[in-house]
mmCIF file of all heavy atoms, coordinates in Angstrom:
data_MODEL
# 
_entry.id   MODEL 
# 
loop_
_atom_site.group_PDB 
_atom_site.id 
_atom_site.type_symbol 
_atom_site.label_atom_id 
_atom_site.label_alt_id 
_atom_site.label_comp_id 
_atom_site.label_asym_id 
_atom_site.label_entity_id 
_atom_site.label_seq_id 
_atom_site.pdbx_PDB_ins_code 
_atom_site.Cartn_x 
_atom_site.Cartn_y 
_atom_site.Cartn_z 
_atom_site.occupancy 
_atom_site.B_iso_or_equiv 
_atom_site.pdbx_formal_charge 
_atom_site.auth_seq_id 
_atom_site.auth_comp_id 
_atom_site.auth_asym_id 
_atom_site.auth_atom_id 
_atom_site.pdbx_PDB_model_num 
ATOM 1   N N   . GLY A 1 1  ? 282.242 78.193 195.232 1.00 0.00 ? 1  GLY A N   1 
ATOM 2   C CA  . GLY A 1 1  ? 283.253 79.253 195.307 1.00 0.00 ? 1  GLY A CA  1 
ATOM 3   C C   . GLY A 1 1  ? 284.574 78.809 194.706 1.00 0.00 ? 1  GLY A C   1 
ATOM 4   O O   . GLY A 1 1  ? 285.243 79.565 193.997 1.00 0.00 ? 1  GLY A O   1 
ATOM 5   N N   . GLY A 1 2  ? 284.956 77.570 194.995 1.00 0.00 ? 2  GLY A N   1 
ATOM 6   C CA  . GLY A 1 2  ? 286.188 77.037 194.414 1.00 0.00 ? 2  GLY A CA  1 
ATOM 7   C C   . GLY A 1 2  ? 286.101 76.920 192.903 1.00 0.00 ? 2  GLY A C   1 
ATOM 8   O O   . GLY A 1 2  ? 287.051 77.261 192.189 1.00 0.00 ? 2  GLY A O   1 
ATOM 9   N N   . LEU A 1 3  ? 284.963 76.440 192.408 1.00 0.00 ? 3  LEU A N   1 
ATOM 10  C CA  . LEU A 1 3  ? 284.774 76.337 190.960 1.00 0.00 ? 3  LEU A CA  1 
ATOM 11  C C   . LEU A 1 3  ? 284.762 77.711 190.311 1.00 0.00 ? 3  LEU A C   1 
ATOM 12  O O   . LEU A 1 3  ? 285.345 77.911 189.237 1.00 0.00 ? 3  LEU A O   1 
ATOM 13  C CB  . LEU A 1 3  ? 283.465 75.585 190.644 1.00 0.00 ? 3  LEU A CB  1 
ATOM 14  C CG  . LEU A 1 3  ? 283.172 75.365 189.170 1.00 0.00 ? 3  LEU A CG  1 
ATOM 15  C CD1 . LEU A 1 3  ? 284.236 74.495 188.527 1.00 0.00 ? 3  LEU A CD1 1 
ATOM 16  C CD2 . LEU A 1 3  ? 281.801 74.747 189.001 1.00 0.00 ? 3  LEU A CD2 1 
ATOM 17  N N   . GLY A 1 4  ? 284.120 78.677 190.967 1.00 0.00 ? 4  GLY A N   1 
ATOM 18  C CA  . GLY A 1 4  ? 284.099 80.032 190.431 1.00 0.00 ? 4  GLY A CA  1 
ATOM 19  C C   . GLY A 1 4  ? 285.470 80.661 190.392 1.00 0.00 ? 4  GLY A C   1 
ATOM 20  O O   . GLY A 1 4  ? 285.802 81.405 189.469 1.00 0.00 ? 4  GLY A O   1 
ATOM 21  N N   . THR A 1 5  ? 286.285 80.374 191.386 1.00 0.00 ? 5  THR A N   1 
ATOM 22  C CA  . THR A 1 5  ? 287.652 80.903 191.414 1.00 0.00 ? 5  THR A CA  1 
ATOM 23  C C   . THR A 1 5  ? 288.507 80.226 190.366 1.00 0.00 ? 5  THR A C   1 
ATOM 24  O O   . THR A 1 5  ? 289.300 80.870 189.683 1.00 0.00 ? 5  THR A O   1 
ATOM 25  C CB  . THR A 1 5  ? 288.267 80.703 192.806 1.00 0.00 ? 5  THR A CB  1 
ATOM 26  O OG1 . THR A 1 5  ? 287.440 81.378 193.765 1.00 0.00 ? 5  THR A OG1 1 
ATOM 27  C CG2 . THR A 1 5  ? 289.670 81.248 192.876 1.00 0.00 ? 5  THR A CG2 1 
ATOM 28  N N   . TRP A 1 6  ? 288.358 78.915 190.237 1.00 0.00 ? 6  TRP A N   1 
ATOM 29  C CA  . TRP A 1 6  ? 289.207 78.141 189.330 1.00 0.00 ? 6  TRP A CA  1 
ATOM 30  C C   . TRP A 1 6  ? 288.814 78.330 187.870 1.00 0.00 ? 6  TRP A C   1 
ATOM 31  O O   . TRP A 1 6  ? 289.667 78.538 187.014 1.00 0.00 ? 6  TRP A O   1 
ATOM 32  C CB  . TRP A 1 6  ? 289.136 76.656 189.716 1.00 0.00 ? 6  TRP A CB  1 
ATOM 33  C CG  . TRP A 1 6  ? 289.905 75.761 188.821 1.00 0.00 ? 6  TRP A CG  1 
ATOM 34  C CD1 . TRP A 1 6  ? 291.270 75.656 188.750 1.00 0.00 ? 6  TRP A CD1 1 
ATOM 35  C CD2 . TRP A 1 6  ? 289.379 74.863 187.858 1.00 0.00 ? 6  TRP A CD2 1 
ATOM 36  N NE1 . TRP A 1 6  ? 291.607 74.734 187.799 1.00 0.00 ? 6  TRP A NE1 1 
ATOM 37  C CE2 . TRP A 1 6  ? 290.473 74.229 187.230 1.00 0.00 ? 6  TRP A CE2 1 
ATOM 38  C CE3 . TRP A 1 6  ? 288.095 74.530 187.464 1.00 0.00 ? 6  TRP A CE3 1 
ATOM 39  C CZ2 . TRP A 1 6  ? 290.293 73.288 186.241 1.00 0.00 ? 6  TRP A CZ2 1 
ATOM 40  C CZ3 . TRP A 1 6  ? 287.932 73.584 186.479 1.00 0.00 ? 6  TRP A CZ3 1 
ATOM 41  C CH2 . TRP A 1 6  ? 289.028 72.974 185.871 1.00 0.00 ? 6  TRP A CH2 1 
ATOM 42  N N   . ALA A 1 7  ? 287.528 78.246 187.554 1.00 0.00 ? 7  ALA A N   1 
ATOM 43  C CA  . ALA A 1 7  ? 287.082 78.266 186.160 1.00 0.00 ? 7  ALA A CA  1 
ATOM 44  C C   . ALA A 1 7  ? 286.490 79.608 185.741 1.00 0.00 ? 7  ALA A C   1 
ATOM 45  O O   . ALA A 1 7  ? 286.363 79.870 184.555 1.00 0.00 ? 7  ALA A O   1 
ATOM 46  C CB  . ALA A 1 7  ? 286.033 77.163 185.929 1.00 0.00 ? 7  ALA A CB  1 
ATOM 47  N N   . GLY A 1 8  ? 286.073 80.417 186.678 1.00 0.00 ? 8  GLY A N   1 
ATOM 48  C CA  . GLY A 1 8  ? 285.436 81.688 186.344 1.00 0.00 ? 8  GLY A CA  1 
ATOM 49  C C   . GLY A 1 8  ? 283.952 81.651 186.715 1.00 0.00 ? 8  GLY A C   1 
ATOM 50  O O   . GLY A 1 8  ? 283.376 80.587 186.951 1.00 0.00 ? 8  GLY A O   1 
ATOM 51  N N   . VAL A 1 9  ? 283.356 82.826 186.771 1.00 0.00 ? 9  VAL A N   1 
ATOM 52  C CA  . VAL A 1 9  ? 281.972 82.938 187.219 1.00 0.00 ? 9  VAL A CA  1 
ATOM 53  C C   . VAL A 1 9  ? 280.994 82.340 186.210 1.00 0.00 ? 9  VAL A C   1 
ATOM 54  O O   . VAL A 1 9  ? 280.108 81.565 186.582 1.00 0.00 ? 9  VAL A O   1 
ATOM 55  C CB  . VAL A 1 9  ? 281.616 84.418 187.497 1.00 0.00 ? 9  VAL A CB  1 
ATOM 56  C CG1 . VAL A 1 9  ? 280.152 84.564 187.846 1.00 0.00 ? 9  VAL A CG1 1 
ATOM 57  C CG2 . VAL A 1 9  ? 282.483 84.958 188.617 1.00 0.00 ? 9  VAL A CG2 1 
ATOM 58  N N   . ARG A 1 10 ? 281.161 82.656 184.940 1.00 0.00 ? 10 ARG A N   1 
ATOM 59  C CA  . ARG A 1 10 ? 280.216 82.193 183.930 1.00 0.00 ? 10 ARG A CA  1 
ATOM 60  C C   . ARG A 1 10 ? 280.193 80.656 183.844 1.00 0.00 ? 10 ARG A C   1 
ATOM 61  O O   . ARG A 1 10 ? 279.118 80.056 183.861 1.00 0.00 ? 10 ARG A O   1 
ATOM 62  C CB  . ARG A 1 10 ? 280.525 82.827 182.589 1.00 0.00 ? 10 ARG A CB  1 
ATOM 63  C CG  . ARG A 1 10 ? 279.350 82.878 181.664 1.00 0.00 ? 10 ARG A CG  1 
ATOM 64  C CD  . ARG A 1 10 ? 279.676 83.670 180.420 1.00 0.00 ? 10 ARG A CD  1 
ATOM 65  N NE  . ARG A 1 10 ? 279.845 85.088 180.662 1.00 0.00 ? 10 ARG A NE  1 
ATOM 66  C CZ  . ARG A 1 10 ? 278.913 85.997 180.432 1.00 0.00 ? 10 ARG A CZ  1 
ATOM 67  N NH1 . ARG A 1 10 ? 277.756 85.636 179.961 1.00 0.00 ? 10 ARG A NH1 1 
ATOM 68  N NH2 . ARG A 1 10 ? 279.143 87.270 180.666 1.00 0.00 ? 10 ARG A NH2 1 
ATOM 69  N N   . PRO A 1 11 ? 281.345 79.980 183.743 1.00 0.00 ? 11 PRO A N   1 
ATOM 70  C CA  . PRO A 1 11 ? 281.303 78.502 183.711 1.00 0.00 ? 11 PRO A CA  1 
ATOM 71  C C   . PRO A 1 11 ? 280.739 77.903 184.996 1.00 0.00 ? 11 PRO A C   1 
ATOM 72  O O   . PRO A 1 11 ? 280.065 76.862 184.954 1.00 0.00 ? 11 PRO A O   1 
ATOM 73  C CB  . PRO A 1 11 ? 282.769 78.101 183.525 1.00 0.00 ? 11 PRO A CB  1 
ATOM 74  C CG  . PRO A 1 11 ? 283.424 79.276 182.910 1.00 0.00 ? 11 PRO A CG  1 
ATOM 75  C CD  . PRO A 1 11 ? 282.692 80.467 183.455 1.00 0.00 ? 11 PRO A CD  1 
ATOM 76  N N   . ALA A 1 12 ? 280.976 78.542 186.135 1.00 0.00 ? 12 ALA A N   1 
ATOM 77  C CA  . ALA A 1 12 ? 280.421 78.040 187.389 1.00 0.00 ? 12 ALA A CA  1 
ATOM 78  C C   . ALA A 1 12 ? 278.903 78.141 187.391 1.00 0.00 ? 12 ALA A C   1 
ATOM 79  O O   . ALA A 1 12 ? 278.205 77.234 187.856 1.00 0.00 ? 12 ALA A O   1 
ATOM 80  C CB  . ALA A 1 12 ? 281.012 78.806 188.576 1.00 0.00 ? 12 ALA A CB  1 
ATOM 81  N N   . LEU A 1 13 ? 278.362 79.239 186.846 1.00 0.00 ? 13 LEU A N   1 
ATOM 82  C CA  . LEU A 1 13 ? 276.904 79.386 186.757 1.00 0.00 ? 13 LEU A CA  1 
ATOM 83  C C   . LEU A 1 13 ? 276.308 78.385 185.778 1.00 0.00 ? 13 LEU A C   1 
ATOM 84  O O   . LEU A 1 13 ? 275.228 77.840 186.021 1.00 0.00 ? 13 LEU A O   1 
ATOM 85  C CB  . LEU A 1 13 ? 276.542 80.812 186.353 1.00 0.00 ? 13 LEU A CB  1 
ATOM 86  C CG  . LEU A 1 13 ? 276.758 81.882 187.427 1.00 0.00 ? 13 LEU A CG  1 
ATOM 87  C CD1 . LEU A 1 13 ? 276.522 83.265 186.848 1.00 0.00 ? 13 LEU A CD1 1 
ATOM 88  C CD2 . LEU A 1 13 ? 275.857 81.627 188.601 1.00 0.00 ? 13 LEU A CD2 1 
ATOM 89  N N   . VAL A 1 14 ? 276.990 78.113 184.674 1.00 0.00 ? 14 VAL A N   1 
ATOM 90  C CA  . VAL A 1 14 ? 276.510 77.118 183.712 1.00 0.00 ? 14 VAL A CA  1 
ATOM 91  C C   . VAL A 1 14 ? 276.511 75.740 184.353 1.00 0.00 ? 14 VAL A C   1 
ATOM 92  O O   . VAL A 1 14 ? 275.554 74.973 184.204 1.00 0.00 ? 14 VAL A O   1 
ATOM 93  C CB  . VAL A 1 14 ? 277.359 77.152 182.421 1.00 0.00 ? 14 VAL A CB  1 
ATOM 94  C CG1 . VAL A 1 14 ? 277.039 75.971 181.528 1.00 0.00 ? 14 VAL A CG1 1 
ATOM 95  C CG2 . VAL A 1 14 ? 277.142 78.457 181.685 1.00 0.00 ? 14 VAL A CG2 1 
ATOM 96  N N   . ALA A 1 15 ? 277.568 75.409 185.085 1.00 0.00 ? 15 ALA A N   1 
ATOM 97  C CA  . ALA A 1 15 ? 277.641 74.115 185.768 1.00 0.00 ? 15 ALA A CA  1 
ATOM 98  C C   . ALA A 1 15 ? 276.527 73.993 186.806 1.00 0.00 ? 15 ALA A C   1 
ATOM 99  O O   . ALA A 1 15 ? 275.885 72.936 186.917 1.00 0.00 ? 15 ALA A O   1 
ATOM 100 C CB  . ALA A 1 15 ? 279.006 73.950 186.443 1.00 0.00 ? 15 ALA A CB  1 
ATOM 101 N N   . GLY A 1 16 ? 276.262 75.056 187.543 1.00 0.00 ? 16 GLY A N   1 
ATOM 102 C CA  . GLY A 1 16 ? 275.178 75.031 188.533 1.00 0.00 ? 16 GLY A CA  1 
ATOM 103 C C   . GLY A 1 16 ? 273.819 74.854 187.881 1.00 0.00 ? 16 GLY A C   1 
ATOM 104 O O   . GLY A 1 16 ? 272.967 74.103 188.374 1.00 0.00 ? 16 GLY A O   1 
ATOM 105 N N   . ALA A 1 17 ? 273.596 75.517 186.752 1.00 0.00 ? 17 ALA A N   1 
ATOM 106 C CA  . ALA A 1 17 ? 272.319 75.366 186.039 1.00 0.00 ? 17 ALA A CA  1 
ATOM 107 C C   . ALA A 1 17 ? 272.154 73.952 185.518 1.00 0.00 ? 17 ALA A C   1 
ATOM 108 O O   . ALA A 1 17 ? 271.068 73.389 185.565 1.00 0.00 ? 17 ALA A O   1 
ATOM 109 C CB  . ALA A 1 17 ? 272.243 76.379 184.904 1.00 0.00 ? 17 ALA A CB  1 
ATOM 110 N N   . CYS A 1 18 ? 273.240 73.366 185.009 1.00 0.00 ? 18 CYS A N   1 
ATOM 111 C CA  . CYS A 1 18 ? 273.170 71.982 184.527 1.00 0.00 ? 18 CYS A CA  1 
ATOM 112 C C   . CYS A 1 18 ? 272.882 71.022 185.670 1.00 0.00 ? 18 CYS A C   1 
ATOM 113 O O   . CYS A 1 18 ? 272.156 70.039 185.490 1.00 0.00 ? 18 CYS A O   1 
ATOM 114 C CB  . CYS A 1 18 ? 274.467 71.614 183.819 1.00 0.00 ? 18 CYS A CB  1 
ATOM 115 S SG  . CYS A 1 18 ? 274.704 72.471 182.255 1.00 0.00 ? 18 CYS A SG  1 
ATOM 116 N N   . LEU A 1 19 ? 273.457 71.269 186.831 1.00 0.00 ? 19 LEU A N   1 
ATOM 117 C CA  . LEU A 1 19 ? 273.217 70.398 187.985 1.00 0.00 ? 19 LEU A CA  1 
ATOM 118 C C   . LEU A 1 19 ? 271.785 70.504 188.495 1.00 0.00 ? 19 LEU A C   1 
ATOM 119 O O   . LEU A 1 19 ? 271.269 69.552 189.094 1.00 0.00 ? 19 LEU A O   1 
ATOM 120 C CB  . LEU A 1 19 ? 274.202 70.719 189.113 1.00 0.00 ? 19 LEU A CB  1 
ATOM 121 C CG  . LEU A 1 19 ? 275.631 70.235 188.875 1.00 0.00 ? 19 LEU A CG  1 
ATOM 122 C CD1 . LEU A 1 19 ? 276.547 70.739 189.980 1.00 0.00 ? 19 LEU A CD1 1 
ATOM 123 C CD2 . LEU A 1 19 ? 275.687 68.726 188.793 1.00 0.00 ? 19 LEU A CD2 1 
ATOM 124 N N   . LEU A 1 20 ? 271.119 71.635 188.261 1.00 0.00 ? 20 LEU A N   1 
ATOM 125 C CA  . LEU A 1 20 ? 269.725 71.771 188.677 1.00 0.00 ? 20 LEU A CA  1 
ATOM 126 C C   . LEU A 1 20 ? 268.794 70.907 187.827 1.00 0.00 ? 20 LEU A C   1 
ATOM 127 O O   . LEU A 1 20 ? 267.674 70.606 188.233 1.00 0.00 ? 20 LEU A O   1 
ATOM 128 C CB  . LEU A 1 20 ? 269.291 73.234 188.600 1.00 0.00 ? 20 LEU A CB  1 
ATOM 129 C CG  . LEU A 1 20 ? 269.847 74.139 189.690 1.00 0.00 ? 20 LEU A CG  1 
ATOM 130 C CD1 . LEU A 1 20 ? 269.463 75.586 189.416 1.00 0.00 ? 20 LEU A CD1 1 
ATOM 131 C CD2 . LEU A 1 20 ? 269.347 73.723 191.052 1.00 0.00 ? 20 LEU A CD2 1 
ATOM 132 N N   . VAL A 1 21 ? 269.242 70.514 186.641 1.00 0.00 ? 21 VAL A N   1 
ATOM 133 C CA  . VAL A 1 21 ? 268.431 69.687 185.756 1.00 0.00 ? 21 VAL A CA  1 
ATOM 134 C C   . VAL A 1 21 ? 268.491 68.215 186.158 1.00 0.00 ? 21 VAL A C   1 
ATOM 135 O O   . VAL A 1 21 ? 267.570 67.457 185.868 1.00 0.00 ? 21 VAL A O   1 
ATOM 136 C CB  . VAL A 1 21 ? 268.882 69.898 184.302 1.00 0.00 ? 21 VAL A CB  1 
ATOM 137 C CG1 . VAL A 1 21 ? 268.171 68.971 183.340 1.00 0.00 ? 21 VAL A CG1 1 
ATOM 138 C CG2 . VAL A 1 21 ? 268.683 71.342 183.896 1.00 0.00 ? 21 VAL A CG2 1 
ATOM 139 N N   . VAL A 1 22 ? 269.546 67.819 186.851 1.00 0.00 ? 22 VAL A N   1 
ATOM 140 C CA  . VAL A 1 22 ? 269.761 66.400 187.193 1.00 0.00 ? 22 VAL A CA  1 
ATOM 141 C C   . VAL A 1 22 ? 268.582 65.804 187.967 1.00 0.00 ? 22 VAL A C   1 
ATOM 142 O O   . VAL A 1 22 ? 268.111 64.721 187.596 1.00 0.00 ? 22 VAL A O   1 
ATOM 143 C CB  . VAL A 1 22 ? 271.091 66.222 187.953 1.00 0.00 ? 22 VAL A CB  1 
ATOM 144 C CG1 . VAL A 1 22 ? 271.230 64.830 188.510 1.00 0.00 ? 22 VAL A CG1 1 
ATOM 145 C CG2 . VAL A 1 22 ? 272.258 66.538 187.036 1.00 0.00 ? 22 VAL A CG2 1 
ATOM 146 N N   . PRO A 1 23 ? 268.045 66.418 189.017 1.00 0.00 ? 23 PRO A N   1 
ATOM 147 C CA  . PRO A 1 23 ? 266.903 65.803 189.712 1.00 0.00 ? 23 PRO A CA  1 
ATOM 148 C C   . PRO A 1 23 ? 265.687 65.628 188.808 1.00 0.00 ? 23 PRO A C   1 
ATOM 149 O O   . PRO A 1 23 ? 264.962 64.635 188.941 1.00 0.00 ? 23 PRO A O   1 
ATOM 150 C CB  . PRO A 1 23 ? 266.593 66.775 190.852 1.00 0.00 ? 23 PRO A CB  1 
ATOM 151 C CG  . PRO A 1 23 ? 267.817 67.557 191.053 1.00 0.00 ? 23 PRO A CG  1 
ATOM 152 C CD  . PRO A 1 23 ? 268.497 67.623 189.730 1.00 0.00 ? 23 PRO A CD  1 
ATOM 153 N N   . CYS A 1 24 ? 265.459 66.562 187.898 1.00 0.00 ? 24 CYS A N   1 
ATOM 154 C CA  . CYS A 1 24 ? 264.325 66.430 186.969 1.00 0.00 ? 24 CYS A CA  1 
ATOM 155 C C   . CYS A 1 24 ? 264.505 65.223 186.070 1.00 0.00 ? 24 CYS A C   1 
ATOM 156 O O   . CYS A 1 24 ? 263.546 64.480 185.810 1.00 0.00 ? 24 CYS A O   1 
ATOM 157 C CB  . CYS A 1 24 ? 264.171 67.700 186.144 1.00 0.00 ? 24 CYS A CB  1 
ATOM 158 S SG  . CYS A 1 24 ? 263.780 69.147 187.128 1.00 0.00 ? 24 CYS A SG  1 
ATOM 159 N N   . VAL A 1 25 ? 265.719 65.004 185.588 1.00 0.00 ? 25 VAL A N   1 
ATOM 160 C CA  . VAL A 1 25 ? 265.992 63.853 184.726 1.00 0.00 ? 25 VAL A CA  1 
ATOM 161 C C   . VAL A 1 25 ? 265.834 62.552 185.499 1.00 0.00 ? 25 VAL A C   1 
ATOM 162 O O   . VAL A 1 25 ? 265.252 61.586 185.008 1.00 0.00 ? 25 VAL A O   1 
ATOM 163 C CB  . VAL A 1 25 ? 267.405 63.970 184.102 1.00 0.00 ? 25 VAL A CB  1 
ATOM 164 C CG1 . VAL A 1 25 ? 267.798 62.703 183.359 1.00 0.00 ? 25 VAL A CG1 1 
ATOM 165 C CG2 . VAL A 1 25 ? 267.489 65.174 183.189 1.00 0.00 ? 25 VAL A CG2 1 
ATOM 166 N N   . VAL A 1 26 ? 266.327 62.530 186.730 1.00 0.00 ? 26 VAL A N   1 
ATOM 167 C CA  . VAL A 1 26 ? 266.217 61.321 187.564 1.00 0.00 ? 26 VAL A CA  1 
ATOM 168 C C   . VAL A 1 26 ? 264.748 61.000 187.815 1.00 0.00 ? 26 VAL A C   1 
ATOM 169 O O   . VAL A 1 26 ? 264.320 59.837 187.687 1.00 0.00 ? 26 VAL A O   1 
ATOM 170 C CB  . VAL A 1 26 ? 266.975 61.512 188.892 1.00 0.00 ? 26 VAL A CB  1 
ATOM 171 C CG1 . VAL A 1 26 ? 266.653 60.405 189.871 1.00 0.00 ? 26 VAL A CG1 1 
ATOM 172 C CG2 . VAL A 1 26 ? 268.469 61.573 188.649 1.00 0.00 ? 26 VAL A CG2 1 
ATOM 173 N N   . LEU A 1 27 ? 263.932 61.986 188.141 1.00 0.00 ? 27 LEU A N   1 
ATOM 174 C CA  . LEU A 1 27 ? 262.504 61.750 188.371 1.00 0.00 ? 27 LEU A CA  1 
ATOM 175 C C   . LEU A 1 27 ? 261.783 61.342 187.091 1.00 0.00 ? 27 LEU A C   1 
ATOM 176 O O   . LEU A 1 27 ? 260.883 60.508 187.121 1.00 0.00 ? 27 LEU A O   1 
ATOM 177 C CB  . LEU A 1 27 ? 261.848 62.991 188.968 1.00 0.00 ? 27 LEU A CB  1 
ATOM 178 C CG  . LEU A 1 27 ? 262.137 63.233 190.444 1.00 0.00 ? 27 LEU A CG  1 
ATOM 179 C CD1 . LEU A 1 27 ? 261.547 64.572 190.868 1.00 0.00 ? 27 LEU A CD1 1 
ATOM 180 C CD2 . LEU A 1 27 ? 261.601 62.113 191.298 1.00 0.00 ? 27 LEU A CD2 1 
ATOM 181 N N   . ALA A 1 28 ? 262.162 61.926 185.969 1.00 0.00 ? 28 ALA A N   1 
ATOM 182 C CA  . ALA A 1 28 ? 261.511 61.594 184.711 1.00 0.00 ? 28 ALA A CA  1 
ATOM 183 C C   . ALA A 1 28 ? 261.810 60.154 184.286 1.00 0.00 ? 28 ALA A C   1 
ATOM 184 O O   . ALA A 1 28 ? 260.986 59.508 183.652 1.00 0.00 ? 28 ALA A O   1 
ATOM 185 C CB  . ALA A 1 28 ? 261.955 62.563 183.616 1.00 0.00 ? 28 ALA A CB  1 
# 
């Protein structure tokens, strides 16, 4: 919510999508 307020909704969603990839990279 803080990121969405500070940077906007679209960048917050992009950041969240990028963070979802992190566990896959760690496991790979």
